[in-house]
Protein backbone atom coordinates (compact mmCIF):
# COMPACT_ATOMS: atom_id res chain seq x y z
CA MET A 1 -29.01 -19.92 14.91
CA SER A 2 -30.34 -16.94 16.32
CA ALA A 3 -28.86 -13.63 15.64
CA GLU A 4 -30.84 -11.70 17.91
CA GLY A 5 -28.81 -8.68 19.45
CA LYS A 6 -25.87 -9.06 16.99
CA ILE A 7 -24.79 -6.21 14.57
CA CYS A 8 -23.69 -7.42 11.05
CA LEU A 9 -22.13 -5.83 8.15
CA VAL A 10 -22.31 -7.50 4.90
CA THR A 11 -20.57 -5.85 1.87
CA GLY A 12 -21.83 -6.28 -1.51
CA ALA A 13 -25.44 -6.95 -0.21
CA THR A 14 -27.68 -5.54 -2.90
CA SER A 15 -27.73 -8.63 -5.01
CA GLY A 16 -26.59 -12.60 -5.07
CA THR A 17 -25.38 -14.15 -2.04
CA GLY A 18 -24.82 -10.82 -0.28
CA ARG A 19 -28.26 -9.99 -0.34
CA VAL A 20 -29.50 -13.30 0.71
CA THR A 21 -26.98 -13.22 3.66
CA ALA A 22 -28.46 -9.81 4.72
CA ARG A 23 -31.92 -10.94 4.69
CA GLU A 24 -31.30 -14.06 6.52
CA LEU A 25 -29.17 -12.33 9.27
CA ALA A 26 -32.07 -9.97 9.31
CA ARG A 27 -34.50 -12.71 9.69
CA GLU A 28 -32.49 -14.39 12.70
CA GLY A 29 -32.84 -10.84 14.27
CA ALA A 30 -29.78 -9.07 13.45
CA THR A 31 -29.32 -5.52 13.05
CA VAL A 32 -27.69 -5.59 9.37
CA VAL A 33 -25.70 -2.91 7.59
CA VAL A 34 -25.83 -3.26 3.83
CA LEU A 35 -22.68 -1.95 2.36
CA ALA A 36 -22.80 -0.92 -1.29
CA ARG A 37 -21.56 1.60 -3.69
CA ASP A 38 -25.10 2.38 -5.10
CA GLU A 39 -27.12 4.39 -2.67
CA GLY A 40 -30.36 3.84 -4.56
CA LYS A 41 -29.64 0.27 -4.67
CA ALA A 42 -28.65 0.24 -0.93
CA ASP A 43 -31.78 2.01 0.06
CA ALA A 44 -34.13 0.01 -1.92
CA THR A 45 -32.39 -3.25 -0.56
CA CYS A 46 -32.70 -2.47 2.93
CA ARG A 47 -36.47 -1.57 2.44
CA GLU A 48 -36.97 -5.07 0.50
CA ILE A 49 -35.43 -6.79 3.44
CA SER A 50 -37.22 -5.12 6.13
CA ALA A 51 -40.41 -5.82 4.32
CA GLU A 52 -39.79 -9.46 3.83
CA THR A 53 -38.32 -10.13 7.30
CA GLY A 54 -40.28 -7.77 9.43
CA ASN A 55 -37.08 -6.47 10.87
CA THR A 56 -36.56 -2.76 10.59
CA ARG A 57 -33.09 -2.70 11.94
CA VAL A 58 -31.67 -2.71 8.17
CA GLU A 59 -29.63 0.14 7.03
CA PRO A 60 -27.50 1.06 4.41
CA LEU A 61 -23.78 2.12 4.20
CA ILE A 62 -22.44 3.66 1.17
CA ALA A 63 -18.99 2.99 -0.38
CA ASP A 64 -17.08 1.92 -3.48
CA LEU A 65 -14.66 -0.58 -1.74
CA SER A 66 -12.31 -0.06 -4.60
CA VAL A 67 -11.78 3.54 -3.54
CA MET A 68 -9.88 3.66 -0.04
CA ALA A 69 -11.07 6.98 0.67
CA GLN A 70 -14.57 5.91 0.71
CA VAL A 71 -13.78 2.76 2.55
CA ARG A 72 -12.38 4.95 5.55
CA ARG A 73 -15.30 7.19 5.33
CA ALA A 74 -17.45 3.95 5.50
CA ALA A 75 -15.59 2.80 8.67
CA GLU A 76 -15.79 5.93 10.35
CA ARG A 77 -19.76 6.26 10.00
CA PHE A 78 -19.92 2.72 11.20
CA THR A 79 -17.61 3.38 14.15
CA THR A 80 -19.69 6.35 15.16
CA ARG A 81 -23.12 4.63 14.81
CA PHE A 82 -22.30 1.37 16.37
CA ASP A 83 -20.39 0.21 19.50
CA LYS A 84 -19.51 -3.16 18.17
CA LEU A 85 -19.29 -5.52 15.25
CA ASP A 86 -20.38 -9.17 15.85
CA ILE A 87 -20.37 -10.42 12.21
CA LEU A 88 -18.55 -8.82 9.05
CA VAL A 89 -18.93 -10.76 5.79
CA ASN A 90 -16.67 -9.52 3.15
CA ASN A 91 -18.74 -10.57 0.12
CA ALA A 92 -18.39 -8.04 -2.58
CA GLY A 93 -16.55 -8.94 -5.50
CA ALA A 94 -16.48 -8.51 -9.54
CA VAL A 95 -14.82 -9.40 -12.57
CA ILE A 96 -13.65 -6.18 -14.46
CA THR A 97 -12.17 -6.53 -18.01
CA PRO A 98 -10.53 -4.76 -19.32
CA PRO A 99 -8.36 -3.52 -16.17
CA GLN A 100 -9.86 -0.28 -14.85
CA ILE A 101 -7.84 2.27 -12.86
CA THR A 102 -9.43 3.92 -9.80
CA SER A 103 -8.95 7.64 -8.92
CA GLU A 104 -6.42 6.36 -6.65
CA GLY A 105 -4.51 4.84 -9.37
CA LEU A 106 -5.00 1.31 -8.25
CA GLU A 107 -6.30 -1.68 -10.42
CA ALA A 108 -10.30 -1.85 -9.56
CA MET A 109 -10.47 -5.61 -9.29
CA PHE A 110 -7.76 -6.08 -6.92
CA ALA A 111 -8.85 -2.91 -5.05
CA GLY A 112 -12.57 -3.82 -4.72
CA ASN A 113 -12.21 -7.57 -4.25
CA TYR A 114 -9.40 -7.49 -1.86
CA LEU A 115 -7.69 -4.18 -0.76
CA GLY A 116 -10.97 -2.59 0.19
CA HIS A 117 -11.82 -5.39 2.30
CA PHE A 118 -8.54 -5.55 3.99
CA LEU A 119 -8.86 -1.90 4.90
CA LEU A 120 -12.48 -2.18 5.97
CA THR A 121 -11.50 -5.03 8.42
CA GLU A 122 -8.48 -3.41 9.63
CA LEU A 123 -10.45 -0.36 10.55
CA LEU A 124 -13.22 -2.38 12.28
CA VAL A 125 -11.08 -4.66 14.17
CA ASP A 126 -11.81 -2.51 17.66
CA LYS A 127 -15.33 -2.89 16.96
CA LEU A 128 -14.94 -6.68 16.63
CA LYS A 129 -13.11 -6.89 19.74
CA ALA A 130 -15.63 -4.84 21.49
CA ALA A 131 -18.04 -7.58 20.61
CA GLY A 132 -16.26 -10.08 22.77
CA THR A 133 -16.87 -12.85 20.32
CA ALA A 134 -17.11 -11.90 16.51
CA ARG A 135 -16.94 -13.54 13.31
CA VAL A 136 -15.30 -12.46 9.88
CA ILE A 137 -16.12 -14.48 6.83
CA ASN A 138 -14.11 -13.82 3.54
CA VAL A 139 -15.85 -14.83 0.23
CA SER A 140 -13.21 -16.32 -1.89
CA SER A 141 -13.30 -18.54 -4.82
CA VAL A 142 -11.96 -21.77 -6.17
CA ALA A 143 -10.11 -19.33 -8.77
CA HIS A 144 -7.37 -18.94 -6.22
CA ARG A 145 -5.69 -22.33 -7.08
CA THR A 146 -4.17 -21.20 -10.22
CA ALA A 147 -3.37 -17.72 -9.61
CA ARG A 148 -0.21 -15.93 -8.35
CA ILE A 149 0.52 -12.53 -6.69
CA ASP A 150 2.16 -9.98 -9.25
CA PHE A 151 3.29 -7.57 -6.49
CA ASP A 152 4.93 -5.52 -9.23
CA SER A 153 1.43 -4.85 -10.27
CA LEU A 154 -0.09 -3.75 -7.12
CA HIS A 155 0.90 -0.13 -6.31
CA PRO A 156 -0.41 2.98 -7.84
CA ASN A 157 0.03 3.40 -11.60
CA ALA A 158 2.21 0.13 -11.87
CA PRO A 159 1.72 -1.86 -15.08
CA ARG A 160 -1.46 -4.01 -14.64
CA LYS A 161 -1.19 -7.97 -14.44
CA GLY A 162 -3.07 -10.48 -12.25
CA GLY A 163 -6.67 -10.70 -12.52
CA TYR A 164 -9.71 -12.09 -10.55
CA GLY A 165 -7.81 -15.24 -9.35
CA GLN A 166 -5.19 -13.07 -7.88
CA SER A 167 -7.58 -11.04 -5.89
CA LYS A 168 -9.37 -14.22 -4.51
CA LEU A 169 -5.78 -15.57 -3.52
CA ALA A 170 -5.08 -12.33 -1.97
CA GLN A 171 -8.43 -12.72 0.07
CA LEU A 172 -7.31 -16.27 1.12
CA LEU A 173 -3.53 -15.18 2.25
CA PHE A 174 -5.52 -12.29 4.21
CA THR A 175 -7.78 -14.61 5.81
CA TYR A 176 -5.01 -16.96 7.20
CA GLU A 177 -2.73 -14.03 8.12
CA LEU A 178 -5.59 -12.27 10.09
CA ALA A 179 -6.64 -15.36 11.76
CA ASP A 180 -3.32 -16.16 13.14
CA ARG A 181 -2.79 -11.99 14.36
CA LEU A 182 -6.04 -12.12 16.01
CA GLU A 183 -5.41 -15.67 17.74
CA GLY A 184 -6.70 -15.16 21.29
CA ALA A 185 -8.76 -12.06 20.56
CA GLY A 186 -12.28 -13.93 20.58
CA ILE A 187 -12.53 -13.38 16.64
CA THR A 188 -12.66 -15.94 14.15
CA VAL A 189 -11.62 -15.66 10.33
CA ASN A 190 -12.72 -17.90 7.70
CA ALA A 191 -12.97 -18.18 4.12
CA MET A 192 -15.42 -19.93 1.79
CA HIS A 193 -16.02 -20.57 -1.98
CA PRO A 194 -20.02 -20.21 -2.62
CA GLY A 195 -20.03 -22.05 -5.81
CA ALA A 196 -21.02 -20.73 -9.53
CA VAL A 197 -23.74 -18.39 -8.29
CA SER A 198 -26.35 -17.11 -11.36
CA SER A 199 -26.71 -13.78 -9.98
CA GLY A 200 -25.67 -11.32 -12.68
CA PHE A 201 -21.81 -12.36 -12.51
CA GLY A 202 -19.86 -10.74 -15.34
CA ARG A 203 -22.05 -7.71 -15.65
CA GLN A 204 -19.03 -5.37 -15.13
CA LEU A 205 -17.26 -6.72 -18.22
CA GLN A 206 -17.21 -3.92 -20.72
CA ASP A 207 -16.96 -6.30 -23.82
CA GLY A 208 -20.57 -6.96 -24.62
CA TRP A 209 -20.06 -10.17 -26.18
CA ARG A 210 -17.76 -11.52 -23.21
CA GLN A 211 -20.43 -10.16 -20.80
CA PHE A 212 -23.23 -12.27 -22.62
CA VAL A 213 -21.20 -15.51 -22.69
CA VAL A 214 -20.11 -15.29 -19.08
CA SER A 215 -23.54 -14.42 -18.00
CA ALA A 216 -25.24 -17.29 -20.16
CA ILE A 217 -22.61 -19.86 -18.73
CA TYR A 218 -23.34 -18.84 -15.28
CA GLY A 219 -26.90 -18.47 -15.75
CA ALA A 220 -26.79 -22.29 -17.36
CA ILE A 221 -24.56 -24.03 -14.65
CA GLY A 222 -24.87 -21.55 -11.54
CA ILE A 223 -26.44 -22.36 -8.23
CA THR A 224 -29.06 -20.10 -6.66
CA PRO A 225 -27.97 -17.28 -4.53
CA GLU A 226 -29.50 -19.21 -1.44
CA LYS A 227 -27.21 -22.20 -2.15
CA GLY A 228 -24.33 -19.97 -2.45
CA ALA A 229 -25.27 -18.13 0.74
CA ASP A 230 -25.64 -21.21 2.85
CA THR A 231 -21.98 -21.59 3.91
CA ILE A 232 -21.65 -17.97 4.64
CA LEU A 233 -24.71 -18.18 7.17
CA TYR A 234 -23.26 -21.43 8.40
CA LEU A 235 -19.93 -20.04 9.29
CA ALA A 236 -21.60 -16.47 10.72
CA LEU A 237 -24.23 -18.35 13.08
CA ALA A 238 -23.36 -22.07 13.63
CA PRO A 239 -22.46 -22.74 16.94
CA GLU A 240 -20.35 -25.74 15.80
CA VAL A 241 -17.67 -23.40 14.31
CA ALA A 242 -17.78 -20.71 16.82
CA ASN A 243 -13.94 -21.52 17.59
CA THR A 244 -13.03 -22.47 13.98
CA THR A 245 -10.51 -20.29 12.63
CA GLY A 246 -8.04 -19.75 9.44
CA ARG A 247 -10.03 -22.25 7.50
CA TYR A 248 -11.48 -22.43 4.02
CA PHE A 249 -15.03 -23.85 3.49
CA ILE A 250 -16.94 -25.40 0.59
CA LYS A 251 -20.63 -26.41 1.06
CA ARG A 252 -19.86 -26.32 4.81
CA LYS A 253 -17.08 -28.62 4.60
CA GLU A 254 -13.50 -27.57 5.32
CA VAL A 255 -11.36 -28.01 2.26
CA ARG A 256 -7.57 -27.50 2.00
CA SER A 257 -6.86 -24.47 -0.18
CA SER A 258 -3.73 -24.38 -2.68
CA GLU A 259 -0.34 -24.51 -1.37
CA ARG A 260 0.42 -21.01 -2.35
CA SER A 261 -2.44 -19.80 -0.51
CA ARG A 262 -0.87 -21.18 2.56
CA ASP A 263 2.46 -19.87 2.11
CA VAL A 264 3.46 -18.08 5.39
CA GLU A 265 6.24 -15.87 4.05
CA LEU A 266 3.90 -15.05 1.09
CA ARG A 267 0.96 -13.88 3.19
CA ALA A 268 3.05 -11.95 5.41
CA ARG A 269 4.73 -10.21 2.41
CA LEU A 270 1.13 -9.50 1.06
CA TRP A 271 0.03 -7.80 4.50
CA ARG A 272 3.16 -5.85 4.37
CA GLU A 273 2.64 -4.67 0.85
CA SER A 274 -0.95 -3.87 1.32
CA GLU A 275 -0.08 -1.49 3.97
CA ALA A 276 2.74 0.08 1.90
CA ILE A 277 -0.01 0.47 -1.07
CA LEU A 278 -2.36 2.14 1.56
CA ALA A 279 0.39 4.52 2.80
CA GLU A 280 1.11 5.52 -0.94
CA VAL A 281 -2.68 6.04 -1.65
CA ASP A 282 -2.97 8.47 1.61
CA GLY A 283 0.05 10.04 0.52
CA ARG A 284 -1.55 10.93 -2.80
CA ALA A 285 -4.83 12.02 -1.55
């Protein structure tokens, strides 16, 4: 599953499944862009991956995905730097409680887990098309199964509801809608659940006791980041899924996601609402 000559962008790549994904893509010969919000961690991760793999074509791209202005700047830097994008892994995700509001008035978890990836992908579609054949992998979660989209809570400065599951349901709806919209463009779009990965999940919980409990649970029952990244790498590189699109995977197997996640009208509405939210944010900037 060589990635020689490919350009890959991985979000949330300084730890856990994201770091493993970036490392293994580099090991397979790809040029890897590590997107992260912490410049120091991103620089260190790039150096470490280069040292571990012998591949010096690993570089950082700095952006907080919950802040749309930063996403736009990062996409602009990428498009200036590279002429194509072969593999986009939308991996970054966090559980943030109590709810936090970004400088743009958005709920941070929904913005960072979903909306930032929606915008990033939209801004890089031309680079994906330029690759001839490209793959987008969205890292979702089984948490989507019990979630609903509370549209009233999504816009800037709206009353806050929803949560982690909502953001992961949104990511699945986005996956299916994008796959349909890009049909025939040579770009596959799939989603996956990595499993309960013991990689510091829950570190952004502000309640110290809750943070301890969540971290302890994931530490006790969690799988390794390597196992969590296995399906991501399979979807990114395996020839047998080169033409598979609009699907949801767990442990390399296609799985039927929730009925709500496959609601055609719901996913179209989410796309419209996402565009409207971005327009509101731009208008406030």
